[in-house]
C-alpha atoms as a PDB file:
ATOM      1  CA  UNK A   1     -34.379  11.021 -23.843  1.00  0.00           C
ATOM      2  CA  UNK A   2     -33.792  13.052 -20.683  1.00  0.00           C
ATOM      3  CA  UNK A   3     -32.144   9.977 -19.091  1.00  0.00           C
ATOM      4  CA  UNK A   4     -30.117   9.702 -21.507  1.00  0.00           C
ATOM      5  CA  UNK A   5     -29.141  13.314 -21.877  1.00  0.00           C
ATOM      6  CA  UNK A   6     -28.048  13.534 -17.823  1.00  0.00           C
ATOM      7  CA  UNK A   7     -25.781  10.231 -18.937  1.00  0.00           C
ATOM      8  CA  UNK A   8     -24.073  11.763 -21.531  1.00  0.00           C
ATOM      9  CA  UNK A   9     -23.613  15.198 -19.254  1.00  0.00           C
ATOM     10  CA  UNK A  10     -22.461  13.014 -16.379  1.00  0.00           C
ATOM     11  CA  UNK A  11     -20.124  11.512 -18.538  1.00  0.00           C
ATOM     12  CA  UNK A  12     -18.573  14.927 -19.738  1.00  0.00           C
ATOM     13  CA  UNK A  13     -18.084  15.350 -16.278  1.00  0.00           C
ATOM     14  CA  UNK A  14     -16.094  12.715 -14.989  1.00  0.00           C
ATOM     15  CA  UNK A  15     -12.751  13.283 -13.647  1.00  0.00           C
ATOM     16  CA  UNK A  16      -9.994  11.977 -15.882  1.00  0.00           C
ATOM     17  CA  UNK A  17      -8.024   9.271 -15.065  1.00  0.00           C
ATOM     18  CA  UNK A  18      -4.206   9.214 -14.552  1.00  0.00           C
ATOM     19  CA  UNK A  19      -1.662   6.933 -13.214  1.00  0.00           C
ATOM     20  CA  UNK A  20       1.466   8.591 -11.362  1.00  0.00           C
ATOM     21  CA  UNK A  21       4.153   6.411  -9.238  1.00  0.00           C
ATOM     22  CA  UNK A  22       7.120   6.768  -7.024  1.00  0.00           C
ATOM     23  CA  UNK A  23      10.336   4.505  -6.706  1.00  0.00           C
ATOM     24  CA  UNK A  24      11.104   4.971  -3.143  1.00  0.00           C
ATOM     25  CA  UNK A  25      14.932   3.234  -1.756  1.00  0.00           C
ATOM     26  CA  UNK A  26      15.399   3.132   1.987  1.00  0.00           C
ATOM     27  CA  UNK A  27      18.427   2.282   3.836  1.00  0.00           C
ATOM     28  CA  UNK A  28      18.763   0.209   7.185  1.00  0.00           C
ATOM     29  CA  UNK A  29      22.363   0.711   8.121  1.00  0.00           C
ATOM     30  CA  UNK A  30      24.527  -1.905  10.058  1.00  0.00           C
ATOM     31  CA  UNK A  31      25.139  -0.578  13.632  1.00  0.00           C
ATOM     32  CA  UNK A  32      27.890  -1.273  16.171  1.00  0.00           C
ATOM     33  CA  UNK A  33      25.981  -1.712  18.936  1.00  0.00           C
ATOM     34  CA  UNK A  34      25.465  -4.555  21.498  1.00  0.00           C
ATOM     35  CA  UNK A  35      21.993  -5.511  21.349  1.00  0.00           C
ATOM     36  CA  UNK A  36      20.629  -4.941  17.728  1.00  0.00           C
ATOM     37  CA  UNK A  37      16.982  -5.049  16.537  1.00  0.00           C
ATOM     38  CA  UNK A  38      15.451  -4.416  13.550  1.00  0.00           C
ATOM     39  CA  UNK A  39      14.290  -0.849  13.732  1.00  0.00           C
ATOM     40  CA  UNK A  40      10.451  -0.292  12.948  1.00  0.00           C
ATOM     41  CA  UNK A  41       9.803   1.995   9.860  1.00  0.00           C
ATOM     42  CA  UNK A  42       6.572   4.226   8.617  1.00  0.00           C
ATOM     43  CA  UNK A  43       6.743   5.644   5.280  1.00  0.00           C
ATOM     44  CA  UNK A  44       3.625   7.791   4.714  1.00  0.00           C
ATOM     45  CA  UNK A  45       3.285  11.010   2.176  1.00  0.00           C
ATOM     46  CA  UNK A  46       1.767  14.641   3.927  1.00  0.00           C
ATOM     47  CA  UNK A  47       0.247  17.220   2.235  1.00  0.00           C
ATOM     48  CA  UNK A  48       1.195  21.089   2.405  1.00  0.00           C
ATOM     49  CA  UNK A  49      -0.805  20.897   5.487  1.00  0.00           C
ATOM     50  CA  UNK A  50       1.618  18.293   7.204  1.00  0.00           C
ATOM     51  CA  UNK A  51      -1.262  16.222   7.431  1.00  0.00           C
ATOM     52  CA  UNK A  52      -0.519  12.110   6.725  1.00  0.00           C
ATOM     53  CA  UNK A  53      -2.428  12.200   3.150  1.00  0.00           C
ATOM     54  CA  UNK A  54      -1.477   8.526   2.281  1.00  0.00           C
ATOM     55  CA  UNK A  55      -0.355   5.840   4.784  1.00  0.00           C
ATOM     56  CA  UNK A  56       2.557   3.705   2.273  1.00  0.00           C
ATOM     57  CA  UNK A  57       4.440   1.450   4.567  1.00  0.00           C
ATOM     58  CA  UNK A  58       4.353   0.403   8.096  1.00  0.00           C
ATOM     59  CA  UNK A  59       7.253  -2.556   9.224  1.00  0.00           C
ATOM     60  CA  UNK A  60       6.686  -4.069  12.854  1.00  0.00           C
ATOM     61  CA  UNK A  61       7.522  -7.133  14.597  1.00  0.00           C
ATOM     62  CA  UNK A  62       4.141  -8.837  13.763  1.00  0.00           C
ATOM     63  CA  UNK A  63       4.788 -11.553  15.962  1.00  0.00           C
ATOM     64  CA  UNK A  64       4.285 -11.435  19.870  1.00  0.00           C
ATOM     65  CA  UNK A  65       7.272 -12.350  22.316  1.00  0.00           C
ATOM     66  CA  UNK A  66       7.853 -12.465  25.290  1.00  0.00           C
ATOM     67  CA  UNK A  67       8.575  -8.670  25.530  1.00  0.00           C
ATOM     68  CA  UNK A  68       4.796  -7.903  24.371  1.00  0.00           C
ATOM     69  CA  UNK A  69       2.739  -7.708  20.871  1.00  0.00           C
ATOM     70  CA  UNK A  70       4.390  -5.989  17.967  1.00  0.00           C
ATOM     71  CA  UNK A  71       1.957  -3.188  18.152  1.00  0.00           C
ATOM     72  CA  UNK A  72       2.747  -2.381  21.236  1.00  0.00           C
ATOM     73  CA  UNK A  73       5.452  -0.575  20.304  1.00  0.00           C
ATOM     74  CA  UNK A  74       4.164   1.440  17.324  1.00  0.00           C
ATOM     75  CA  UNK A  75       3.316   4.352  18.807  1.00  0.00           C
ATOM     76  CA  UNK A  76       7.529   4.743  19.303  1.00  0.00           C
ATOM     77  CA  UNK A  77       7.132   6.307  15.746  1.00  0.00           C
ATOM     78  CA  UNK A  78       5.951   8.890  17.174  1.00  0.00           C
ATOM     79  CA  UNK A  79       5.328  11.736  13.999  1.00  0.00           C
ATOM     80  CA  UNK A  80       3.679   8.848  12.558  1.00  0.00           C
ATOM     81  CA  UNK A  81       1.386   7.864  15.630  1.00  0.00           C
ATOM     82  CA  UNK A  82       0.489  11.714  16.057  1.00  0.00           C
ATOM     83  CA  UNK A  83      -0.368  11.556  12.708  1.00  0.00           C
ATOM     84  CA  UNK A  84      -2.230   8.442  11.278  1.00  0.00           C
ATOM     85  CA  UNK A  85      -1.132   5.766  13.304  1.00  0.00           C
ATOM     86  CA  UNK A  86      -3.404   6.021  16.207  1.00  0.00           C
ATOM     87  CA  UNK A  87      -6.446   5.776  13.851  1.00  0.00           C
ATOM     88  CA  UNK A  88      -5.106   2.316  11.887  1.00  0.00           C
ATOM     89  CA  UNK A  89      -6.515  -0.413  12.879  1.00  0.00           C
ATOM     90  CA  UNK A  90      -3.622  -3.256  11.697  1.00  0.00           C
ATOM     91  CA  UNK A  91      -2.429  -4.944  10.076  1.00  0.00           C
ATOM     92  CA  UNK A  92      -3.538  -3.279   6.674  1.00  0.00           C
ATOM     93  CA  UNK A  93      -3.570  -5.072   3.740  1.00  0.00           C
ATOM     94  CA  UNK A  94      -0.810  -3.494   1.079  1.00  0.00           C
ATOM     95  CA  UNK A  95       0.824  -1.178   3.644  1.00  0.00           C
ATOM     96  CA  UNK A  96       1.412  -3.237   7.021  1.00  0.00           C
ATOM     97  CA  UNK A  97       4.448  -6.130   6.910  1.00  0.00           C
ATOM     98  CA  UNK A  98       7.711  -7.062   9.118  1.00  0.00           C
ATOM     99  CA  UNK A  99      10.798  -5.109  10.069  1.00  0.00           C
ATOM    100  CA  UNK A 100      13.551  -5.237   7.089  1.00  0.00           C
ATOM    101  CA  UNK A 101      17.195  -6.443   7.597  1.00  0.00           C
ATOM    102  CA  UNK A 102      20.343  -4.587   6.971  1.00  0.00           C
ATOM    103  CA  UNK A 103      20.521  -3.012   3.550  1.00  0.00           C
ATOM    104  CA  UNK A 104      18.582  -1.136   0.721  1.00  0.00           C
ATOM    105  CA  UNK A 105      14.966  -1.656   0.171  1.00  0.00           C
ATOM    106  CA  UNK A 106      13.505  -1.066  -3.250  1.00  0.00           C
ATOM    107  CA  UNK A 107       9.936   0.396  -2.689  1.00  0.00           C
ATOM    108  CA  UNK A 108       7.564   1.166  -6.094  1.00  0.00           C
ATOM    109  CA  UNK A 109       4.046   3.041  -5.430  1.00  0.00           C
ATOM    110  CA  UNK A 110       1.536   3.826  -7.471  1.00  0.00           C
ATOM    111  CA  UNK A 111      -2.012   5.203  -8.255  1.00  0.00           C
ATOM    112  CA  UNK A 112      -3.493   1.605  -7.145  1.00  0.00           C
ATOM    113  CA  UNK A 113      -2.097   1.786  -4.076  1.00  0.00           C
ATOM    114  CA  UNK A 114      -5.300   1.758  -1.690  1.00  0.00           C
ATOM    115  CA  UNK A 115      -4.153   5.389  -0.405  1.00  0.00           C
ATOM    116  CA  UNK A 116      -2.259   6.892  -2.771  1.00  0.00           C
ATOM    117  CA  UNK A 117      -4.467   6.567  -5.604  1.00  0.00           C
ATOM    118  CA  UNK A 118      -6.974   8.868  -4.049  1.00  0.00           C
ATOM    119  CA  UNK A 119      -4.244  11.536  -4.107  1.00  0.00           C
ATOM    120  CA  UNK A 120      -5.132  14.567  -6.036  1.00  0.00           C
ATOM    121  CA  UNK A 121      -1.686  15.812  -8.072  1.00  0.00           C
ATOM    122  CA  UNK A 122       0.243  18.078  -6.448  1.00  0.00           C
ATOM    123  CA  UNK A 123       2.967  19.102  -3.862  1.00  0.00           C
ATOM    124  CA  UNK A 124       3.794  16.773  -1.196  1.00  0.00           C
ATOM    125  CA  UNK A 125       6.515  15.511   1.150  1.00  0.00           C
ATOM    126  CA  UNK A 126       7.263  11.840   1.480  1.00  0.00           C
ATOM    127  CA  UNK A 127       8.203  10.999   5.482  1.00  0.00           C
ATOM    128  CA  UNK A 128       9.932   7.918   6.719  1.00  0.00           C
ATOM    129  CA  UNK A 129      10.607   7.543  10.036  1.00  0.00           C
ATOM    130  CA  UNK A 130      12.480   4.859  11.771  1.00  0.00           C
ATOM    131  CA  UNK A 131      13.106   3.824  15.712  1.00  0.00           C
ATOM    132  CA  UNK A 132      15.061   0.902  17.345  1.00  0.00           C
ATOM    133  CA  UNK A 133      14.533  -0.732  20.360  1.00  0.00           C
ATOM    134  CA  UNK A 134      17.562   0.025  22.555  1.00  0.00           C
ATOM    135  CA  UNK A 135      18.183   2.827  19.706  1.00  0.00           C
ATOM    136  CA  UNK A 136      17.289   6.250  18.556  1.00  0.00           C
ATOM    137  CA  UNK A 137      14.562   7.590  16.552  1.00  0.00           C
ATOM    138  CA  UNK A 138      15.493   9.814  12.865  1.00  0.00           C
ATOM    139  CA  UNK A 139      12.743  11.292  10.360  1.00  0.00           C
ATOM    140  CA  UNK A 140      13.418  11.928   6.937  1.00  0.00           C
ATOM    141  CA  UNK A 141      11.653  14.344   4.532  1.00  0.00           C
ATOM    142  CA  UNK A 142      11.805  14.379   0.818  1.00  0.00           C
ATOM    143  CA  UNK A 143       9.789  16.734  -1.254  1.00  0.00           C
ATOM    144  CA  UNK A 144       8.114  15.880  -4.301  1.00  0.00           C
ATOM    145  CA  UNK A 145       5.605  16.095  -7.238  1.00  0.00           C
ATOM    146  CA  UNK A 146       2.750  13.397  -7.476  1.00  0.00           C
ATOM    147  CA  UNK A 147       1.416  12.932 -10.495  1.00  0.00           C
ATOM    148  CA  UNK A 148       4.629  14.811 -11.825  1.00  0.00           C
ATOM    149  CA  UNK A 149       8.490  14.402 -12.303  1.00  0.00           C
ATOM    150  CA  UNK A 150      10.749  14.946  -9.726  1.00  0.00           C
ATOM    151  CA  UNK A 151      13.896  13.398  -7.591  1.00  0.00           C
ATOM    152  CA  UNK A 152      14.705  13.775  -3.939  1.00  0.00           C
ATOM    153  CA  UNK A 153      16.979  12.399  -1.469  1.00  0.00           C
ATOM    154  CA  UNK A 154      18.079  12.567   2.490  1.00  0.00           C
ATOM    155  CA  UNK A 155      20.547  11.027   4.426  1.00  0.00           C
ATOM    156  CA  UNK A 156      20.322   9.615   7.061  1.00  0.00           C
ATOM    157  CA  UNK A 157      22.762   9.765  10.711  1.00  0.00           C
ATOM    158  CA  UNK A 158      22.041   7.231  12.533  1.00  0.00           C
ATOM    159  CA  UNK A 159      18.793   4.697  12.525  1.00  0.00           C
ATOM    160  CA  UNK A 160      18.277   5.673   8.454  1.00  0.00           C
ATOM    161  CA  UNK A 161      20.965   5.385   5.539  1.00  0.00           C
ATOM    162  CA  UNK A 162      19.805   7.075   2.353  1.00  0.00           C
ATOM    163  CA  UNK A 163      16.658   7.393   1.297  1.00  0.00           C
ATOM    164  CA  UNK A 164      15.714   8.222  -2.289  1.00  0.00           C
ATOM    165  CA  UNK A 165      12.476   9.048  -4.526  1.00  0.00           C
ATOM    166  CA  UNK A 166      12.079   9.489  -7.798  1.00  0.00           C
ATOM    167  CA  UNK A 167       8.137  10.350  -8.563  1.00  0.00           C
ATOM    168  CA  UNK A 168       7.242   9.988 -12.697  1.00  0.00           C
ATOM    169  CA  UNK A 169       3.482  10.477 -14.241  1.00  0.00           C
END
C-alpha cells in the first residue's frame, strides 16, 4: 500500500511537459572580395548571465584541406568558443554541420532539440556569430521568450545579413 501511495505522489509532483519552437532565418550576404570563403557560423542561446544555455548550430569546414582540418579554425568564433565551444567534442549530432553558401537559411528548433529541450521557459538571447577566413567577424543578438511568443531581428553589417527570430509556445 505504501509503494502505491509513493507512486501516486511522484506522479503529482512531475513537471508538466510543454513544447516550444523558434524559427530562425540567417542571411549569408554575397561579398565582393577577391578571395571568398564561406563563413564559420555559431548559433546559440544565452541565459541572463550571458552563459551559453544551448548550442543550436555550428557550421564549419568539415573536411581537412591543405590548410588543415576545419576544426582548427573554430576558435575564430571567439565568443562562442569562450562560452562553450572549447568544451564541445565536435562533431555534435544535430548541432554541427557544413558551412553554408550565400543566401537565407531557414532553421527551426523545437523542444525536442537535444540542448534546447532542457531549457526552462523564460527570457533568453539568441546569439549568431560569424567569422570568415581572410574576412571579418560579426556577432548579432536577439532577445526572445522561450516557451512564449516573441519576435525579433538584427541586421548585420559585413559577415551576416538579416537575422530574424520568431518563437512560439
